[in-house]
């Protein structure tokens, strides 16, 4: 993935820890982990699909 695409995604995705009630120091880390796993799942399925063809 190009650095431009990563910058674009970072700009679009809102800050995870916006809640005013209770700041959660692990929210940003969790959001980053979830995003990374979503991206890796996406590529995993994409490569599975391409290898089937």
N, C-alpha and C. Protein backbone atom coordinates (compact mmCIF):
# COMPACT_ATOMS: atom_id res chain seq x y z
N UNK A 1 0.85 -1.19 0.00
CA UNK A 1 0.00 0.00 0.00
C UNK A 1 0.89 1.24 0.00
N UNK A 2 0.51 2.22 -0.81
CA UNK A 2 1.36 3.41 -0.94
C UNK A 2 1.23 4.31 0.28
N UNK A 3 2.25 5.10 0.57
CA UNK A 3 2.18 6.03 1.71
C UNK A 3 1.03 7.03 1.55
N UNK A 4 0.73 7.41 0.29
CA UNK A 4 -0.39 8.34 0.06
C UNK A 4 -1.70 7.71 0.51
N UNK A 5 -1.89 6.43 0.19
CA UNK A 5 -3.12 5.74 0.58
C UNK A 5 -3.23 5.65 2.10
N UNK A 6 -2.11 5.37 2.76
CA UNK A 6 -2.12 5.27 4.22
C UNK A 6 -2.45 6.62 4.85
N UNK A 7 -1.84 7.70 4.32
CA UNK A 7 -2.14 9.04 4.82
C UNK A 7 -3.61 9.37 4.63
N UNK A 8 -4.16 8.99 3.47
CA UNK A 8 -5.56 9.25 3.18
C UNK A 8 -6.47 8.55 4.18
N UNK A 9 -6.16 7.28 4.47
CA UNK A 9 -6.95 6.51 5.43
C UNK A 9 -6.85 7.14 6.82
N UNK A 10 -5.65 7.55 7.21
CA UNK A 10 -5.47 8.16 8.53
C UNK A 10 -6.29 9.44 8.64
N UNK A 11 -6.37 10.21 7.55
CA UNK A 11 -7.16 11.45 7.57
C UNK A 11 -8.65 11.16 7.67
N UNK A 12 -9.11 10.09 7.00
CA UNK A 12 -10.54 9.77 6.99
C UNK A 12 -11.00 9.21 8.33
N UNK A 13 -10.23 8.27 8.87
CA UNK A 13 -10.64 7.59 10.10
C UNK A 13 -10.56 8.56 11.27
N UNK A 14 -11.66 8.75 12.01
CA UNK A 14 -11.64 9.68 13.13
C UNK A 14 -10.81 9.14 14.30
N UNK A 15 -10.43 10.03 15.17
CA UNK A 15 -9.67 9.63 16.36
C UNK A 15 -10.53 8.67 17.19
N UNK A 16 -9.98 7.55 17.62
CA UNK A 16 -10.76 6.56 18.38
C UNK A 16 -11.19 7.04 19.77
N UNK A 17 -10.30 7.78 20.44
CA UNK A 17 -10.61 8.14 21.83
C UNK A 17 -11.22 9.54 21.91
N UNK A 18 -12.45 9.67 21.40
CA UNK A 18 -13.12 10.97 21.39
C UNK A 18 -14.10 11.07 22.55
N UNK A 19 -14.35 9.95 23.23
CA UNK A 19 -15.34 9.98 24.31
C UNK A 19 -14.90 10.91 25.43
N UNK A 20 -15.83 11.75 25.88
CA UNK A 20 -15.50 12.74 26.91
C UNK A 20 -15.70 12.17 28.31
N UNK A 21 -16.46 11.09 28.41
CA UNK A 21 -16.75 10.52 29.74
C UNK A 21 -15.49 10.00 30.40
N UNK A 22 -14.83 9.09 29.74
CA UNK A 22 -13.68 8.42 30.35
C UNK A 22 -12.61 8.20 29.29
N UNK A 23 -11.51 8.94 29.33
CA UNK A 23 -10.47 8.71 28.34
C UNK A 23 -9.86 7.32 28.48
N UNK A 24 -9.73 6.63 27.38
CA UNK A 24 -9.22 5.26 27.40
C UNK A 24 -7.86 5.23 26.71
N UNK A 25 -6.78 5.04 27.47
CA UNK A 25 -5.45 5.07 26.85
C UNK A 25 -5.22 3.95 25.86
N UNK A 26 -5.99 2.86 25.97
CA UNK A 26 -5.77 1.74 25.05
C UNK A 26 -6.66 1.83 23.81
N UNK A 27 -7.53 2.85 23.75
CA UNK A 27 -8.47 2.94 22.62
C UNK A 27 -7.74 3.08 21.30
N UNK A 28 -6.73 3.95 21.28
CA UNK A 28 -5.99 4.17 20.04
C UNK A 28 -5.27 2.88 19.62
N UNK A 29 -4.65 2.20 20.59
CA UNK A 29 -3.95 0.96 20.29
C UNK A 29 -4.93 -0.10 19.77
N UNK A 30 -6.09 -0.23 20.44
CA UNK A 30 -7.10 -1.20 20.00
C UNK A 30 -7.59 -0.88 18.60
N UNK A 31 -7.86 0.40 18.33
CA UNK A 31 -8.34 0.79 17.01
C UNK A 31 -7.30 0.46 15.94
N UNK A 32 -6.03 0.70 16.29
CA UNK A 32 -4.96 0.40 15.33
C UNK A 32 -4.87 -1.10 15.09
N UNK A 33 -4.99 -1.90 16.15
CA UNK A 33 -4.96 -3.36 16.01
C UNK A 33 -6.12 -3.83 15.13
N UNK A 34 -7.33 -3.29 15.39
CA UNK A 34 -8.50 -3.70 14.61
C UNK A 34 -8.33 -3.33 13.15
N UNK A 35 -7.81 -2.13 12.90
CA UNK A 35 -7.59 -1.70 11.51
C UNK A 35 -6.57 -2.61 10.83
N UNK A 36 -5.50 -2.92 11.53
CA UNK A 36 -4.46 -3.78 10.95
C UNK A 36 -5.02 -5.16 10.65
N UNK A 37 -5.84 -5.69 11.56
CA UNK A 37 -6.38 -7.03 11.32
C UNK A 37 -7.40 -7.00 10.19
N UNK A 38 -8.17 -5.90 10.07
CA UNK A 38 -9.12 -5.79 8.97
C UNK A 38 -8.39 -5.75 7.63
N UNK A 39 -7.30 -4.97 7.58
CA UNK A 39 -6.52 -4.88 6.34
C UNK A 39 -5.90 -6.23 6.01
N UNK A 40 -5.35 -6.91 7.01
CA UNK A 40 -4.70 -8.19 6.72
C UNK A 40 -5.74 -9.24 6.30
N UNK A 41 -6.94 -9.20 6.92
CA UNK A 41 -8.01 -10.12 6.49
C UNK A 41 -8.39 -9.85 5.05
N UNK A 42 -8.50 -8.56 4.70
CA UNK A 42 -8.87 -8.18 3.34
C UNK A 42 -7.88 -8.77 2.34
N UNK A 43 -6.57 -8.59 2.61
CA UNK A 43 -5.57 -9.11 1.68
C UNK A 43 -5.55 -10.64 1.70
N UNK A 44 -5.81 -11.24 2.86
CA UNK A 44 -5.86 -12.70 2.96
C UNK A 44 -6.95 -13.24 2.03
N UNK A 45 -8.16 -12.65 2.12
CA UNK A 45 -9.25 -13.10 1.26
C UNK A 45 -8.96 -12.82 -0.21
N UNK A 46 -8.33 -11.67 -0.47
CA UNK A 46 -8.00 -11.32 -1.85
C UNK A 46 -7.04 -12.35 -2.44
N UNK A 47 -6.00 -12.72 -1.68
CA UNK A 47 -5.03 -13.69 -2.20
C UNK A 47 -5.67 -15.08 -2.33
N UNK A 48 -6.56 -15.43 -1.39
CA UNK A 48 -7.29 -16.70 -1.52
C UNK A 48 -8.07 -16.71 -2.83
N UNK A 49 -8.78 -15.62 -3.08
CA UNK A 49 -9.60 -15.51 -4.29
C UNK A 49 -8.73 -15.63 -5.53
N UNK A 50 -7.59 -14.93 -5.53
CA UNK A 50 -6.71 -14.97 -6.70
C UNK A 50 -6.08 -16.34 -6.89
N UNK A 51 -5.80 -17.05 -5.80
CA UNK A 51 -5.16 -18.36 -5.95
C UNK A 51 -6.16 -19.41 -6.42
N UNK A 52 -7.45 -19.18 -6.17
CA UNK A 52 -8.48 -20.13 -6.64
C UNK A 52 -8.57 -20.07 -8.16
N UNK A 53 -8.45 -18.86 -8.72
CA UNK A 53 -8.63 -18.69 -10.17
C UNK A 53 -7.48 -19.29 -10.96
